[in-house]
Every structure is written in structure tokens, then in C-alpha cells.
Amino acid sequence: MTLPVSPIASQAAQWSVPKAGGAEWSVGGVGGGPGAAKAGAAAAPDPAGGFGQMLSNAVGSLEQTQAAAATQSQALATGQTQDISSVITAVQEASLSMELASQIRSKAVEAYSEIFHTQI
């Protein structure tokens, strides 16, 4: 995947100034500006639906893993299953998935904080 490159002058038109009274403001989108299409470096549409869709899918997968572990744990506790190894595997998988999600969140917050404190 290549990112579109456009001159700063074309990006400056997208920037908006904060409004009086403390209203929200924006500096425009990332890439895909009017200069990017003219330069011939237009970004191809993402077939997976973008970062938001990928994040939603990952959280949904995490929820399914947690639910499967809870279901198998309850089945073992109520005597509906005797296969302890599959229950332990499901619980460990859910635990590792949650730990991974926590680490990814921590790294994302750390990166955001570092970018936010970068002086330009």
C-alpha cells in the first residue's frame, strides 16, 4: 500500500482554524486531498473496510473467544463436559487474547501520547 504524496500548499487549504467560543476544529484528513488525485497517486480502496472495520473485527473476535471460554467453563462446572483439556485450552486462549488486546491498547496509547507531545 502506498500513501499519496501531495504538496503542503494543497494540504493547507484543508486546515481549518478553531472557531470562537471553544468549538471543535480539524486539520483535515490524512492523504486523499485534492492534490493527491492530481498527482496520480490516488489511494486504492481498502477491500477489508479500513482500520475501523479491522478494529471492530478484532474486538468481535475477542468477545467470541471470551464467550467460548465462559461457556466451556460453565459446562465443566455443571458437569456437562468431562474434557478438561479443551476447557483449559479455551480459557488460556481467552486469557492470551485479552493480554494481547491490552498490550496493543497500551502501545497505541503510548504512540498517541508521543505524537501528541511532539513539537513541530
C-alpha atoms as a PDB file:
ATOM      1  CA  MET A   1       0.000   0.000   0.000  1.00  0.00           C
ATOM      2  CA  THR A   2       1.403   3.377  -0.944  1.00  0.00           C
ATOM      3  CA  LEU A   3       0.444   6.626   0.642  1.00  0.00           C
ATOM      4  CA  PRO A   4      -0.433   9.553  -1.603  1.00  0.00           C
ATOM      5  CA  VAL A   5       2.077  12.381  -1.515  1.00  0.00           C
ATOM      6  CA  SER A   6       0.912  15.904  -2.152  1.00  0.00           C
ATOM      7  CA  PRO A   7       2.489  19.331  -1.745  1.00  0.00           C
ATOM      8  CA  ILE A   8       1.972  21.126   1.550  1.00  0.00           C
ATOM      9  CA  ALA A   9       0.258  24.016  -0.238  1.00  0.00           C
ATOM     10  CA  SER A  10      -2.615  21.767  -1.304  1.00  0.00           C
ATOM     11  CA  GLN A  11      -2.940  20.434   2.264  1.00  0.00           C
ATOM     12  CA  ALA A  12      -3.069  23.965   3.704  1.00  0.00           C
ATOM     13  CA  ALA A  13      -6.459  24.511   2.066  1.00  0.00           C
ATOM     14  CA  GLN A  14      -7.901  21.660   4.176  1.00  0.00           C
ATOM     15  CA  TRP A  15      -6.836  23.099   7.517  1.00  0.00           C
ATOM     16  CA  SER A  16      -9.418  24.985   9.485  1.00  0.00           C
ATOM     17  CA  VAL A  17      -8.932  27.463  12.278  1.00  0.00           C
ATOM     18  CA  PRO A  18     -10.559  26.973  15.701  1.00  0.00           C
ATOM     19  CA  LYS A  19     -13.842  28.823  15.920  1.00  0.00           C
ATOM     20  CA  ALA A  20     -14.548  31.366  18.610  1.00  0.00           C
ATOM     21  CA  GLY A  21     -16.273  30.022  21.680  1.00  0.00           C
ATOM     22  CA  GLY A  22     -14.195  26.840  22.012  1.00  0.00           C
ATOM     23  CA  ALA A  23     -15.821  24.886  19.175  1.00  0.00           C
ATOM     24  CA  GLU A  24     -14.172  21.763  17.746  1.00  0.00           C
ATOM     25  CA  TRP A  25     -11.616  22.130  14.932  1.00  0.00           C
ATOM     26  CA  SER A  26      -9.908  19.865  12.452  1.00  0.00           C
ATOM     27  CA  VAL A  27      -6.727  19.799  10.400  1.00  0.00           C
ATOM     28  CA  GLY A  28      -8.241  17.727   7.599  1.00  0.00           C
ATOM     29  CA  GLY A  29      -7.907  14.108   6.624  1.00  0.00           C
ATOM     30  CA  VAL A  30      -4.820  12.017   6.073  1.00  0.00           C
ATOM     31  CA  GLY A  31      -3.921  11.851   2.382  1.00  0.00           C
ATOM     32  CA  GLY A  32      -6.550  11.728  -0.329  1.00  0.00           C
ATOM     33  CA  GLY A  33      -6.592  15.533  -0.611  1.00  0.00           C
ATOM     34  CA  PRO A  34      -7.330  17.350  -3.845  1.00  0.00           C
ATOM     35  CA  GLY A  35      -3.611  17.487  -4.721  1.00  0.00           C
ATOM     36  CA  ALA A  36      -3.180  13.744  -4.287  1.00  0.00           C
ATOM     37  CA  ALA A  37      -5.639  12.859  -7.035  1.00  0.00           C
ATOM     38  CA  LYS A  38      -3.998  15.327  -9.442  1.00  0.00           C
ATOM     39  CA  ALA A  39      -0.552  13.868  -8.735  1.00  0.00           C
ATOM     40  CA  GLY A  40      -1.756  10.456  -9.956  1.00  0.00           C
ATOM     41  CA  ALA A  41      -1.105   8.768  -6.596  1.00  0.00           C
ATOM     42  CA  ALA A  42      -4.709   8.124  -5.604  1.00  0.00           C
ATOM     43  CA  ALA A  43      -5.081   5.536  -2.872  1.00  0.00           C
ATOM     44  CA  ALA A  44      -6.820   2.301  -3.804  1.00  0.00           C
ATOM     45  CA  PRO A  45      -9.931   1.498  -1.757  1.00  0.00           C
ATOM     46  CA  ASP A  46      -9.206  -0.886   1.091  1.00  0.00           C
ATOM     47  CA  PRO A  47     -11.034  -4.179   0.447  1.00  0.00           C
ATOM     48  CA  ALA A  48     -11.240  -5.006   4.175  1.00  0.00           C
ATOM     49  CA  GLY A  49     -13.149  -1.824   5.012  1.00  0.00           C
ATOM     50  CA  GLY A  50     -10.333   0.137   6.632  1.00  0.00           C
ATOM     51  CA  PHE A  51      -8.816   0.376  10.069  1.00  0.00           C
ATOM     52  CA  GLY A  52     -12.136   0.853  11.855  1.00  0.00           C
ATOM     53  CA  GLN A  53     -13.563  -2.313  10.364  1.00  0.00           C
ATOM     54  CA  MET A  54     -10.395  -4.238  11.226  1.00  0.00           C
ATOM     55  CA  LEU A  55     -10.588  -2.993  14.808  1.00  0.00           C
ATOM     56  CA  SER A  56     -14.267  -3.940  15.059  1.00  0.00           C
ATOM     57  CA  ASN A  57     -13.498  -7.422  13.748  1.00  0.00           C
ATOM     58  CA  ALA A  58     -10.667  -7.863  16.268  1.00  0.00           C
ATOM     59  CA  VAL A  59     -12.867  -6.792  19.185  1.00  0.00           C
ATOM     60  CA  GLY A  60     -15.648  -9.089  17.955  1.00  0.00           C
ATOM     61  CA  SER A  61     -13.202 -11.977  17.768  1.00  0.00           C
ATOM     62  CA  LEU A  62     -12.017 -11.204  21.304  1.00  0.00           C
ATOM     63  CA  GLU A  63     -15.627 -11.217  22.545  1.00  0.00           C
ATOM     64  CA  GLN A  64     -16.270 -14.582  20.860  1.00  0.00           C
ATOM     65  CA  THR A  65     -13.140 -16.068  22.437  1.00  0.00           C
ATOM     66  CA  GLN A  66     -14.174 -14.815  25.878  1.00  0.00           C
ATOM     67  CA  ALA A  67     -17.722 -16.144  25.427  1.00  0.00           C
ATOM     68  CA  ALA A  68     -16.466 -19.567  24.296  1.00  0.00           C
ATOM     69  CA  ALA A  69     -14.190 -19.795  27.341  1.00  0.00           C
ATOM     70  CA  ALA A  70     -17.037 -18.811  29.667  1.00  0.00           C
ATOM     71  CA  THR A  71     -19.388 -21.341  28.071  1.00  0.00           C
ATOM     72  CA  GLN A  72     -16.875 -24.166  28.348  1.00  0.00           C
ATOM     73  CA  SER A  73     -16.029 -23.237  31.939  1.00  0.00           C
ATOM     74  CA  GLN A  74     -19.710 -23.296  32.888  1.00  0.00           C
ATOM     75  CA  ALA A  75     -20.145 -26.640  31.114  1.00  0.00           C
ATOM     76  CA  LEU A  76     -17.276 -28.098  33.135  1.00  0.00           C
ATOM     77  CA  ALA A  77     -18.606 -26.642  36.391  1.00  0.00           C
ATOM     78  CA  THR A  78     -22.096 -28.041  35.808  1.00  0.00           C
ATOM     79  CA  GLY A  79     -20.811 -31.472  34.760  1.00  0.00           C
ATOM     80  CA  GLN A  80     -21.965 -31.212  31.142  1.00  0.00           C
ATOM     81  CA  THR A  81     -18.444 -31.963  29.879  1.00  0.00           C
ATOM     82  CA  GLN A  82     -15.597 -34.107  31.125  1.00  0.00           C
ATOM     83  CA  ASP A  83     -12.920 -32.850  28.691  1.00  0.00           C
ATOM     84  CA  ILE A  84     -10.748 -30.721  30.973  1.00  0.00           C
ATOM     85  CA  SER A  85      -8.022 -30.156  28.379  1.00  0.00           C
ATOM     86  CA  SER A  86     -10.357 -28.386  25.922  1.00  0.00           C
ATOM     87  CA  VAL A  87     -11.674 -26.160  28.717  1.00  0.00           C
ATOM     88  CA  ILE A  88      -8.155 -25.246  29.837  1.00  0.00           C
ATOM     89  CA  THR A  89      -7.160 -24.564  26.225  1.00  0.00           C
ATOM     90  CA  ALA A  90     -10.174 -22.278  25.691  1.00  0.00           C
ATOM     91  CA  VAL A  91      -9.549 -20.381  28.938  1.00  0.00           C
ATOM     92  CA  GLN A  92      -5.837 -19.942  28.148  1.00  0.00           C
ATOM     93  CA  GLU A  93      -6.648 -18.783  24.622  1.00  0.00           C
ATOM     94  CA  ALA A  94      -9.094 -16.216  26.027  1.00  0.00           C
ATOM     95  CA  SER A  95      -6.543 -15.081  28.599  1.00  0.00           C
ATOM     96  CA  LEU A  96      -3.806 -14.663  25.992  1.00  0.00           C
ATOM     97  CA  SER A  97      -6.187 -12.844  23.642  1.00  0.00           C
ATOM     98  CA  MET A  98      -7.143 -10.405  26.383  1.00  0.00           C
ATOM     99  CA  GLU A  99      -3.494  -9.854  27.314  1.00  0.00           C
ATOM    100  CA  LEU A 100      -2.632  -9.191  23.660  1.00  0.00           C
ATOM    101  CA  ALA A 101      -5.509  -6.708  23.315  1.00  0.00           C
ATOM    102  CA  SER A 102      -4.359  -4.960  26.489  1.00  0.00           C
ATOM    103  CA  GLN A 103      -0.781  -4.703  25.221  1.00  0.00           C
ATOM    104  CA  ILE A 104      -1.936  -3.377  21.836  1.00  0.00           C
ATOM    105  CA  ARG A 105      -4.084  -0.786  23.595  1.00  0.00           C
ATOM    106  CA  SER A 106      -1.165   0.267  25.794  1.00  0.00           C
ATOM    107  CA  LYS A 107       1.145   0.625  22.792  1.00  0.00           C
ATOM    108  CA  ALA A 108      -1.478   2.616  20.872  1.00  0.00           C
ATOM    109  CA  VAL A 109      -1.989   4.995  23.811  1.00  0.00           C
ATOM    110  CA  GLU A 110       1.778   5.336  24.191  1.00  0.00           C
ATOM    111  CA  ALA A 111       2.166   6.134  20.471  1.00  0.00           C
ATOM    112  CA  TYR A 112      -0.697   8.642  20.604  1.00  0.00           C
ATOM    113  CA  SER A 113       0.843  10.307  23.619  1.00  0.00           C
ATOM    114  CA  GLU A 114       4.235  10.506  21.925  1.00  0.00           C
ATOM    115  CA  ILE A 115       2.715  12.003  18.764  1.00  0.00           C
ATOM    116  CA  PHE A 116       0.631  14.437  20.815  1.00  0.00           C
ATOM    117  CA  HIS A 117       3.709  15.703  22.679  1.00  0.00           C
ATOM    118  CA  THR A 118       5.864  16.024  19.547  1.00  0.00           C
ATOM    119  CA  GLN A 119       6.731  19.647  18.916  1.00  0.00           C
ATOM    120  CA  ILE A 120       6.505  20.971  15.400  1.00  0.00           C
END
